[in-house]
Amino acid sequence: MIRLSKQADERREAGPVECWCLHGAVGGMADWRGFAKLLAAGKTGSRAVDLWRFLECGPMSMADFARALNADAGGEVFRGSGRALLGYSMGGRLALHALLEKEHPWQAAIIVSAHPGLESEPELEARRASDAAWATRALTGDWRGFLDAWNSQPALGGGAIRDPEASARLAAQRREIARSFVDWSLGAQEPLWSRLREITVPVLWVAGVNDAKFRALGERAVAEIPGARLAIAPGAGHRVPWEAEEWLAGEAARFLRTGI
């Protein structure tokens, strides 16, 4: 049964482990509904976090987000055996920041198609400029045109909008989405490579078999995180949670049964 928490996140109770799911850029809670149903079949509960609520009151850095998310989780009564954090793409980068906070409330993590950080100033500068353009388009441009342009990017598979109705509803949060392209840009992120060894919980890092760039990033990341494991999603590119939804839910449920 899905219910809304006081923060309006979507929750599905289905077992002693609760997996908090962080969506990607230009995404939303609804992105996780199919995955959450499959995860529940594996006796694992979930909570789809509305990332846009964190940006409603103004700018928020990734570090401040991490502290706020951890406070959300740590401040709630939980009767299960453990909490896990799952982040996809932008959500994966935010999840890494949460895991690097001291005394965080997570017992395991699943990181999907995420980038620990660019390492050269020219790359950072180029990404900031690119994301600033996306921010302007999200805030002031035609919304459907913005969505079409975003989804047509080769890095995302160049496909059509997955859920047109859910994407249209996101127009009400276009201000927060635009802000995320600035505050949570990969160009605004300090490289986390040298800190990955500080992550001490079990980590399952996931990349699509057809996403060579993020497969390579995943291989490098798991070499830095003690005890981390890389899983390659068959038949998937960057958007693993939807291109290999059943596979990911099965891998996540098995990992969380043994990882917590």
C-alpha atoms as a PDB file:
ATOM      1  CA  MET A   1       0.000   0.000   0.000  1.00  0.00           C
ATOM      2  CA  ILE A   2       1.378   3.414  -0.994  1.00  0.00           C
ATOM      3  CA  ARG A   3       0.933   6.273   1.441  1.00  0.00           C
ATOM      4  CA  LEU A   4       2.275   9.801   1.549  1.00  0.00           C
ATOM      5  CA  SER A   5       4.561  10.831   4.379  1.00  0.00           C
ATOM      6  CA  LYS A   6       4.394  14.230   6.010  1.00  0.00           C
ATOM      7  CA  GLN A   7       7.065  15.340   3.524  1.00  0.00           C
ATOM      8  CA  ALA A   8       4.889  14.047   0.635  1.00  0.00           C
ATOM      9  CA  ASP A   9       7.336  11.285  -0.280  1.00  0.00           C
ATOM     10  CA  GLU A  10       5.711   8.084  -1.555  1.00  0.00           C
ATOM     11  CA  ARG A  11       6.193   5.115   0.756  1.00  0.00           C
ATOM     12  CA  ARG A  12       5.509   1.420   0.327  1.00  0.00           C
ATOM     13  CA  GLU A  13       5.851  -0.787   3.391  1.00  0.00           C
ATOM     14  CA  ALA A  14       6.816  -4.338   2.549  1.00  0.00           C
ATOM     15  CA  GLY A  15       9.427  -5.675   4.941  1.00  0.00           C
ATOM     16  CA  PRO A  16      12.045  -4.906   7.571  1.00  0.00           C
ATOM     17  CA  VAL A  17      14.304  -2.970   5.163  1.00  0.00           C
ATOM     18  CA  GLU A  18      13.297   0.418   3.745  1.00  0.00           C
ATOM     19  CA  CYS A  19      15.079   1.666   0.629  1.00  0.00           C
ATOM     20  CA  TRP A  20      15.017   5.430   0.097  1.00  0.00           C
ATOM     21  CA  CYS A  21      15.090   6.162  -3.645  1.00  0.00           C
ATOM     22  CA  LEU A  22      16.483   9.405  -5.088  1.00  0.00           C
ATOM     23  CA  HIS A  23      15.395  10.197  -8.644  1.00  0.00           C
ATOM     24  CA  GLY A  24      17.474  11.779 -11.385  1.00  0.00           C
ATOM     25  CA  ALA A  25      17.453  15.234 -12.973  1.00  0.00           C
ATOM     26  CA  VAL A  26      14.070  16.238 -14.454  1.00  0.00           C
ATOM     27  CA  GLY A  27      12.573  13.251 -12.625  1.00  0.00           C
ATOM     28  CA  GLY A  28      10.129  12.730  -9.809  1.00  0.00           C
ATOM     29  CA  MET A  29       8.730  10.323  -7.248  1.00  0.00           C
ATOM     30  CA  ALA A  30       6.512   8.662  -9.856  1.00  0.00           C
ATOM     31  CA  ASP A  31       9.622   7.365 -11.608  1.00  0.00           C
ATOM     32  CA  TRP A  32       9.963   4.723  -8.879  1.00  0.00           C
ATOM     33  CA  ARG A  33       6.415   3.315  -8.780  1.00  0.00           C
ATOM     34  CA  GLY A  34       7.039   0.285 -10.954  1.00  0.00           C
ATOM     35  CA  PHE A  35      10.360  -0.393  -9.257  1.00  0.00           C
ATOM     36  CA  ALA A  36       8.809  -0.027  -5.785  1.00  0.00           C
ATOM     37  CA  LYS A  37       6.119  -2.570  -6.616  1.00  0.00           C
ATOM     38  CA  LEU A  38       8.748  -5.054  -7.788  1.00  0.00           C
ATOM     39  CA  LEU A  39      10.901  -4.351  -4.732  1.00  0.00           C
ATOM     40  CA  ALA A  40       7.908  -5.012  -2.480  1.00  0.00           C
ATOM     41  CA  ALA A  41       7.529  -8.430  -4.096  1.00  0.00           C
ATOM     42  CA  GLY A  42      11.058  -9.082  -2.821  1.00  0.00           C
ATOM     43  CA  LYS A  43       9.921  -8.193   0.721  1.00  0.00           C
ATOM     44  CA  THR A  44      11.657  -4.801   0.712  1.00  0.00           C
ATOM     45  CA  GLY A  45       9.926  -1.529   1.470  1.00  0.00           C
ATOM     46  CA  SER A  46      10.701   1.741  -0.254  1.00  0.00           C
ATOM     47  CA  ARG A  47      10.359   5.470  -0.035  1.00  0.00           C
ATOM     48  CA  ALA A  48      10.491   7.575  -3.187  1.00  0.00           C
ATOM     49  CA  VAL A  49      11.930  10.909  -2.087  1.00  0.00           C
ATOM     50  CA  ASP A  50      10.661  14.113  -3.694  1.00  0.00           C
ATOM     51  CA  LEU A  51      13.983  15.871  -4.219  1.00  0.00           C
ATOM     52  CA  TRP A  52      12.297  19.062  -5.380  1.00  0.00           C
ATOM     53  CA  ARG A  53      10.880  19.759  -1.904  1.00  0.00           C
ATOM     54  CA  PHE A  54      14.416  20.457  -0.717  1.00  0.00           C
ATOM     55  CA  LEU A  55      14.716  23.356  -3.165  1.00  0.00           C
ATOM     56  CA  GLU A  56      11.319  24.940  -2.540  1.00  0.00           C
ATOM     57  CA  CYS A  57      12.591  27.553  -0.091  1.00  0.00           C
ATOM     58  CA  GLY A  58      15.716  28.587  -1.953  1.00  0.00           C
ATOM     59  CA  PRO A  59      19.167  27.415  -2.972  1.00  0.00           C
ATOM     60  CA  MET A  60      20.634  24.337  -1.282  1.00  0.00           C
ATOM     61  CA  SER A  61      24.108  22.928  -1.791  1.00  0.00           C
ATOM     62  CA  MET A  62      24.702  19.189  -2.154  1.00  0.00           C
ATOM     63  CA  ALA A  63      26.325  19.108   1.278  1.00  0.00           C
ATOM     64  CA  ASP A  64      23.342  20.880   2.843  1.00  0.00           C
ATOM     65  CA  PHE A  65      21.004  18.472   1.064  1.00  0.00           C
ATOM     66  CA  ALA A  66      22.932  15.518   2.495  1.00  0.00           C
ATOM     67  CA  ARG A  67      22.537  16.855   6.030  1.00  0.00           C
ATOM     68  CA  ALA A  68      18.827  17.546   5.490  1.00  0.00           C
ATOM     69  CA  LEU A  69      18.121  14.099   4.034  1.00  0.00           C
ATOM     70  CA  ASN A  70      20.032  12.362   6.812  1.00  0.00           C
ATOM     71  CA  ALA A  71      18.136  14.409   9.379  1.00  0.00           C
ATOM     72  CA  ASP A  72      14.852  13.353   7.750  1.00  0.00           C
ATOM     73  CA  ALA A  73      15.787   9.685   8.025  1.00  0.00           C
ATOM     74  CA  GLY A  74      17.375   9.908  11.457  1.00  0.00           C
ATOM     75  CA  GLY A  75      14.485  11.898  12.885  1.00  0.00           C
ATOM     76  CA  GLU A  76      11.773   9.345  12.104  1.00  0.00           C
ATOM     77  CA  VAL A  77      10.810   6.364  14.219  1.00  0.00           C
ATOM     78  CA  PHE A  78      11.745   3.221  12.300  1.00  0.00           C
ATOM     79  CA  ARG A  79      10.787  -0.260  13.468  1.00  0.00           C
ATOM     80  CA  GLY A  80      12.525  -2.217  10.751  1.00  0.00           C
ATOM     81  CA  SER A  81      16.012  -3.695  10.671  1.00  0.00           C
ATOM     82  CA  GLY A  82      17.675  -1.169   8.415  1.00  0.00           C
ATOM     83  CA  ARG A  83      17.554   1.674   5.935  1.00  0.00           C
ATOM     84  CA  ALA A  84      19.251   1.725   2.567  1.00  0.00           C
ATOM     85  CA  LEU A  85      19.853   4.576   0.139  1.00  0.00           C
ATOM     86  CA  LEU A  86      19.432   4.206  -3.626  1.00  0.00           C
ATOM     87  CA  GLY A  87      20.322   7.036  -5.976  1.00  0.00           C
ATOM     88  CA  TYR A  88      20.092   7.241  -9.748  1.00  0.00           C
ATOM     89  CA  SER A  89      22.264   9.672 -11.763  1.00  0.00           C
ATOM     90  CA  MET A  90      21.842  13.076 -10.072  1.00  0.00           C
ATOM     91  CA  GLY A  91      20.229  11.227  -7.172  1.00  0.00           C
ATOM     92  CA  GLY A  92      23.265   8.962  -7.037  1.00  0.00           C
ATOM     93  CA  ARG A  93      25.579  11.939  -6.657  1.00  0.00           C
ATOM     94  CA  LEU A  94      23.376  13.292  -3.874  1.00  0.00           C
ATOM     95  CA  ALA A  95      23.375   9.859  -2.233  1.00  0.00           C
ATOM     96  CA  LEU A  96      27.177   9.830  -2.205  1.00  0.00           C
ATOM     97  CA  HIS A  97      27.173  13.134  -0.348  1.00  0.00           C
ATOM     98  CA  ALA A  98      24.750  11.686   2.224  1.00  0.00           C
ATOM     99  CA  LEU A  99      26.963   8.625   2.715  1.00  0.00           C
ATOM    100  CA  LEU A 100      29.994  10.832   3.319  1.00  0.00           C
ATOM    101  CA  GLU A 101      28.341  12.662   6.217  1.00  0.00           C
ATOM    102  CA  LYS A 102      29.452  11.523   9.674  1.00  0.00           C
ATOM    103  CA  GLU A 103      26.964   9.406  11.647  1.00  0.00           C
ATOM    104  CA  HIS A 104      24.562   9.003   8.730  1.00  0.00           C
ATOM    105  CA  PRO A 105      21.559   6.646   9.175  1.00  0.00           C
ATOM    106  CA  TRP A 106      22.194   4.293   6.210  1.00  0.00           C
ATOM    107  CA  GLN A 107      23.189   0.634   6.480  1.00  0.00           C
ATOM    108  CA  ALA A 108      23.719   0.010   2.730  1.00  0.00           C
ATOM    109  CA  ALA A 109      23.583   1.875  -0.573  1.00  0.00           C
ATOM    110  CA  ILE A 110      22.886   1.280  -4.250  1.00  0.00           C
ATOM    111  CA  ILE A 111      24.395   3.812  -6.641  1.00  0.00           C
ATOM    112  CA  VAL A 112      23.109   3.746 -10.222  1.00  0.00           C
ATOM    113  CA  SER A 113      24.664   5.537 -13.216  1.00  0.00           C
ATOM    114  CA  ALA A 114      26.327   8.184 -11.059  1.00  0.00           C
ATOM    115  CA  HIS A 115      29.426  10.355 -11.500  1.00  0.00           C
ATOM    116  CA  PRO A 116      31.692  10.941  -8.464  1.00  0.00           C
ATOM    117  CA  GLY A 117      32.961  14.164 -10.000  1.00  0.00           C
ATOM    118  CA  LEU A 118      34.804  15.934 -12.783  1.00  0.00           C
ATOM    119  CA  GLU A 119      38.474  16.573 -12.089  1.00  0.00           C
ATOM    120  CA  SER A 120      39.635  19.372 -14.389  1.00  0.00           C
ATOM    121  CA  GLU A 121      38.633  23.017 -14.302  1.00  0.00           C
ATOM    122  CA  PRO A 122      37.855  23.162 -18.053  1.00  0.00           C
ATOM    123  CA  GLU A 123      35.437  20.237 -17.647  1.00  0.00           C
ATOM    124  CA  LEU A 124      33.840  21.820 -14.601  1.00  0.00           C
ATOM    125  CA  GLU A 125      33.489  25.171 -16.334  1.00  0.00           C
ATOM    126  CA  ALA A 126      31.956  23.611 -19.439  1.00  0.00           C
ATOM    127  CA  ARG A 127      29.465  21.654 -17.352  1.00  0.00           C
ATOM    128  CA  ARG A 128      28.438  24.712 -15.350  1.00  0.00           C
ATOM    129  CA  ALA A 129      27.798  26.615 -18.580  1.00  0.00           C
ATOM    130  CA  SER A 130      25.811  23.742 -20.076  1.00  0.00           C
ATOM    131  CA  ASP A 131      23.691  23.309 -16.954  1.00  0.00           C
ATOM    132  CA  ALA A 132      23.079  27.065 -16.709  1.00  0.00           C
ATOM    133  CA  ALA A 133      21.596  26.888 -20.203  1.00  0.00           C
ATOM    134  CA  TRP A 134      19.386  23.970 -19.184  1.00  0.00           C
ATOM    135  CA  ALA A 135      18.291  25.926 -16.095  1.00  0.00           C
ATOM    136  CA  THR A 136      17.225  28.894 -18.215  1.00  0.00           C
ATOM    137  CA  ARG A 137      15.344  26.662 -20.614  1.00  0.00           C
ATOM    138  CA  ALA A 138      13.595  24.807 -17.776  1.00  0.00           C
ATOM    139  CA  LEU A 139      12.521  28.027 -16.090  1.00  0.00           C
ATOM    140  CA  THR A 140      11.520  30.217 -19.023  1.00  0.00           C
ATOM    141  CA  GLY A 141      11.191  28.039 -22.122  1.00  0.00           C
ATOM    142  CA  ASP A 142       8.340  25.993 -23.506  1.00  0.00           C
ATOM    143  CA  TRP A 143       8.030  23.084 -21.058  1.00  0.00           C
ATOM    144  CA  ARG A 144       7.284  20.393 -23.611  1.00  0.00           C
ATOM    145  CA  GLY A 145      10.118  21.648 -25.790  1.00  0.00           C
ATOM    146  CA  PHE A 146      12.462  21.503 -22.796  1.00  0.00           C
ATOM    147  CA  LEU A 147      11.404  17.923 -22.011  1.00  0.00           C
ATOM    148  CA  ASP A 148      11.798  16.821 -25.624  1.00  0.00           C
ATOM    149  CA  ALA A 149      15.284  18.328 -25.786  1.00  0.00           C
ATOM    150  CA  TRP A 150      16.295  16.773 -22.485  1.00  0.00           C
ATOM    151  CA  ASN A 151      15.102  13.287 -23.384  1.00  0.00           C
ATOM    152  CA  SER A 152      16.584  13.386 -26.883  1.00  0.00           C
ATOM    153  CA  GLN A 153      20.154  13.570 -25.528  1.00  0.00           C
ATOM    154  CA  PRO A 154      22.240  10.612 -26.779  1.00  0.00           C
ATOM    155  CA  ALA A 155      23.588  10.049 -23.267  1.00  0.00           C
ATOM    156  CA  LEU A 156      20.036   9.302 -22.116  1.00  0.00           C
ATOM    157  CA  GLY A 157      19.302   7.011 -25.028  1.00  0.00           C
ATOM    158  CA  GLY A 158      17.653   9.652 -27.208  1.00  0.00           C
ATOM    159  CA  GLY A 159      14.217   8.230 -26.481  1.00  0.00           C
ATOM    160  CA  ALA A 160      10.784   9.729 -26.065  1.00  0.00           C
ATOM    161  CA  ILE A 161       9.412  10.947 -22.739  1.00  0.00           C
ATOM    162  CA  ARG A 162       8.788   7.859 -20.632  1.00  0.00           C
ATOM    163  CA  ASP A 163       5.662   9.094 -18.831  1.00  0.00           C
ATOM    164  CA  PRO A 164       4.224  12.178 -20.590  1.00  0.00           C
ATOM    165  CA  GLU A 165       1.598  12.812 -17.906  1.00  0.00           C
ATOM    166  CA  ALA A 166       4.067  12.671 -15.013  1.00  0.00           C
ATOM    167  CA  SER A 167       6.513  14.852 -16.937  1.00  0.00           C
ATOM    168  CA  ALA A 168       3.799  17.407 -17.657  1.00  0.00           C
ATOM    169  CA  ARG A 169       2.956  17.573 -13.948  1.00  0.00           C
ATOM    170  CA  LEU A 170       6.573  18.472 -13.208  1.00  0.00           C
ATOM    171  CA  ALA A 171       5.934  21.848 -14.833  1.00  0.00           C
ATOM    172  CA  ALA A 172       4.567  22.942 -11.455  1.00  0.00           C
ATOM    173  CA  GLN A 173       8.092  22.422 -10.066  1.00  0.00           C
ATOM    174  CA  ARG A 174      10.005  23.989 -12.908  1.00  0.00           C
ATOM    175  CA  ARG A 175      11.524  26.597 -10.592  1.00  0.00           C
ATOM    176  CA  GLU A 176      13.037  23.867  -8.372  1.00  0.00           C
ATOM    177  CA  ILE A 177      14.146  21.845 -11.392  1.00  0.00           C
ATOM    178  CA  ALA A 178      15.852  24.905 -12.839  1.00  0.00           C
ATOM    179  CA  ARG A 179      17.553  25.560  -9.512  1.00  0.00           C
ATOM    180  CA  SER A 180      18.862  21.981  -9.402  1.00  0.00           C
ATOM    181  CA  PHE A 181      20.796  22.598 -12.621  1.00  0.00           C
ATOM    182  CA  VAL A 182      22.762  25.228 -10.705  1.00  0.00           C
ATOM    183  CA  ASP A 183      22.954  23.972  -7.102  1.00  0.00           C
ATOM    184  CA  TRP A 184      23.310  20.267  -7.948  1.00  0.00           C
ATOM    185  CA  SER A 185      25.181  20.578 -11.220  1.00  0.00           C
ATOM    186  CA  LEU A 186      28.061  18.176 -11.761  1.00  0.00           C
ATOM    187  CA  GLY A 187      30.007  21.356 -12.453  1.00  0.00           C
ATOM    188  CA  ALA A 188      29.261  22.618  -8.930  1.00  0.00           C
ATOM    189  CA  GLN A 189      30.315  19.360  -7.308  1.00  0.00           C
ATOM    190  CA  GLU A 190      33.669  18.906  -5.654  1.00  0.00           C
ATOM    191  CA  PRO A 191      35.231  15.681  -6.968  1.00  0.00           C
ATOM    192  CA  LEU A 192      34.528  12.888  -4.471  1.00  0.00           C
ATOM    193  CA  TRP A 193      37.071  10.374  -5.751  1.00  0.00           C
ATOM    194  CA  SER A 194      39.540  10.872  -2.899  1.00  0.00           C
ATOM    195  CA  ARG A 195      36.763  10.478  -0.322  1.00  0.00           C
ATOM    196  CA  LEU A 196      35.075   7.325  -1.610  1.00  0.00           C
ATOM    197  CA  ARG A 197      37.222   5.190   0.680  1.00  0.00           C
ATOM    198  CA  GLU A 198      35.430   6.869   3.615  1.00  0.00           C
ATOM    199  CA  ILE A 199      32.212   5.012   2.712  1.00  0.00           C
ATOM    200  CA  THR A 200      32.058   2.040   5.049  1.00  0.00           C
ATOM    201  CA  VAL A 201      28.588   0.568   4.382  1.00  0.00           C
ATOM    202  CA  PRO A 202      28.057  -2.150   1.743  1.00  0.00           C
ATOM    203  CA  VAL A 203      27.645  -0.578  -1.711  1.00  0.00           C
ATOM    204  CA  LEU A 204      26.223  -2.036  -4.901  1.00  0.00           C
ATOM    205  CA  TRP A 205      27.291   0.174  -7.822  1.00  0.00           C
ATOM    206  CA  VAL A 206      25.231  -0.283 -10.977  1.00  0.00           C
ATOM    207  CA  ALA A 207      25.811   0.708 -14.606  1.00  0.00           C
ATOM    208  CA  GLY A 208      24.198  -0.300 -17.884  1.00  0.00           C
ATOM    209  CA  VAL A 209      26.055  -2.608 -20.224  1.00  0.00           C
ATOM    210  CA  ASN A 210      25.518  -0.130 -23.068  1.00  0.00           C
ATOM    211  CA  ASP A 211      26.741   2.868 -21.057  1.00  0.00           C
ATOM    212  CA  ALA A 212      30.520   2.641 -21.540  1.00  0.00           C
ATOM    213  CA  LYS A 213      31.277   5.945 -19.819  1.00  0.00           C
ATOM    214  CA  PHE A 214      29.443   5.070 -16.611  1.00  0.00           C
ATOM    215  CA  ARG A 215      30.663   1.478 -16.640  1.00  0.00           C
ATOM    216  CA  ALA A 216      34.212   2.849 -16.534  1.00  0.00           C
ATOM    217  CA  LEU A 217      33.286   5.285 -13.755  1.00  0.00           C
ATOM    218  CA  GLY A 218      31.721   2.427 -11.806  1.00  0.00           C
ATOM    219  CA  GLU A 219      34.818   0.245 -12.184  1.00  0.00           C
ATOM    220  CA  ARG A 220      36.985   3.038 -10.864  1.00  0.00           C
ATOM    221  CA  ALA A 221      34.578   3.861  -8.008  1.00  0.00           C
ATOM    222  CA  VAL A 222      34.253   0.314  -6.638  1.00  0.00           C
ATOM    223  CA  ALA A 223      38.043   0.042  -6.577  1.00  0.00           C
ATOM    224  CA  GLU A 224      38.017   2.961  -4.096  1.00  0.00           C
ATOM    225  CA  ILE A 225      35.107   1.880  -1.847  1.00  0.00           C
ATOM    226  CA  PRO A 226      35.940  -0.909   0.609  1.00  0.00           C
ATOM    227  CA  GLY A 227      33.854  -3.993  -0.164  1.00  0.00           C
ATOM    228  CA  ALA A 228      31.863  -2.386  -2.981  1.00  0.00           C
ATOM    229  CA  ARG A 229      30.632  -4.486  -5.906  1.00  0.00           C
ATOM    230  CA  LEU A 230      29.848  -3.485  -9.499  1.00  0.00           C
ATOM    231  CA  ALA A 231      26.768  -4.939 -11.199  1.00  0.00           C
ATOM    232  CA  ILE A 232      26.204  -4.490 -14.930  1.00  0.00           C
ATOM    233  CA  ALA A 233      22.586  -4.211 -16.073  1.00  0.00           C
ATOM    234  CA  PRO A 234      21.926  -6.292 -19.218  1.00  0.00           C
ATOM    235  CA  GLY A 235      20.351  -4.540 -22.197  1.00  0.00           C
ATOM    236  CA  ALA A 236      20.458  -1.126 -20.512  1.00  0.00           C
ATOM    237  CA  GLY A 237      22.127   2.197 -21.144  1.00  0.00           C
ATOM    238  CA  HIS A 238      22.170   5.098 -18.694  1.00  0.00           C
ATOM    239  CA  ARG A 239      18.544   4.817 -17.565  1.00  0.00           C
ATOM    240  CA  VAL A 240      18.926   1.496 -15.783  1.00  0.00           C
ATOM    241  CA  PRO A 241      15.915   1.921 -13.429  1.00  0.00           C
ATOM    242  CA  TRP A 242      13.578   1.871 -16.434  1.00  0.00           C
ATOM    243  CA  GLU A 243      15.537   0.036 -19.106  1.00  0.00           C
ATOM    244  CA  ALA A 244      16.224  -2.881 -16.742  1.00  0.00           C
ATOM    245  CA  GLU A 245      13.610  -2.308 -14.034  1.00  0.00           C
ATOM    246  CA  GLU A 246      12.926  -5.953 -13.153  1.00  0.00           C
ATOM    247  CA  TRP A 247      16.625  -6.803 -13.139  1.00  0.00           C
ATOM    248  CA  LEU A 248      17.452  -3.847 -10.866  1.00  0.00           C
ATOM    249  CA  ALA A 249      14.646  -4.655  -8.436  1.00  0.00           C
ATOM    250  CA  GLY A 250      15.831  -8.252  -8.192  1.00  0.00           C
ATOM    251  CA  GLU A 251      19.474  -7.244  -7.696  1.00  0.00           C
ATOM    252  CA  ALA A 252      18.497  -4.608  -5.131  1.00  0.00           C
ATOM    253  CA  ALA A 253      16.292  -6.984  -3.124  1.00  0.00           C
ATOM    254  CA  ARG A 254      18.981  -9.681  -3.028  1.00  0.00           C
ATOM    255  CA  PHE A 255      21.702  -7.190  -2.116  1.00  0.00           C
ATOM    256  CA  LEU A 256      19.650  -5.636   0.681  1.00  0.00           C
ATOM    257  CA  ARG A 257      18.740  -9.019   2.140  1.00  0.00           C
ATOM    258  CA  THR A 258      22.433  -9.808   2.539  1.00  0.00           C
ATOM    259  CA  GLY A 259      23.933  -6.310   2.818  1.00  0.00           C
ATOM    260  CA  ILE A 260      22.058  -5.161   5.932  1.00  0.00           C
END
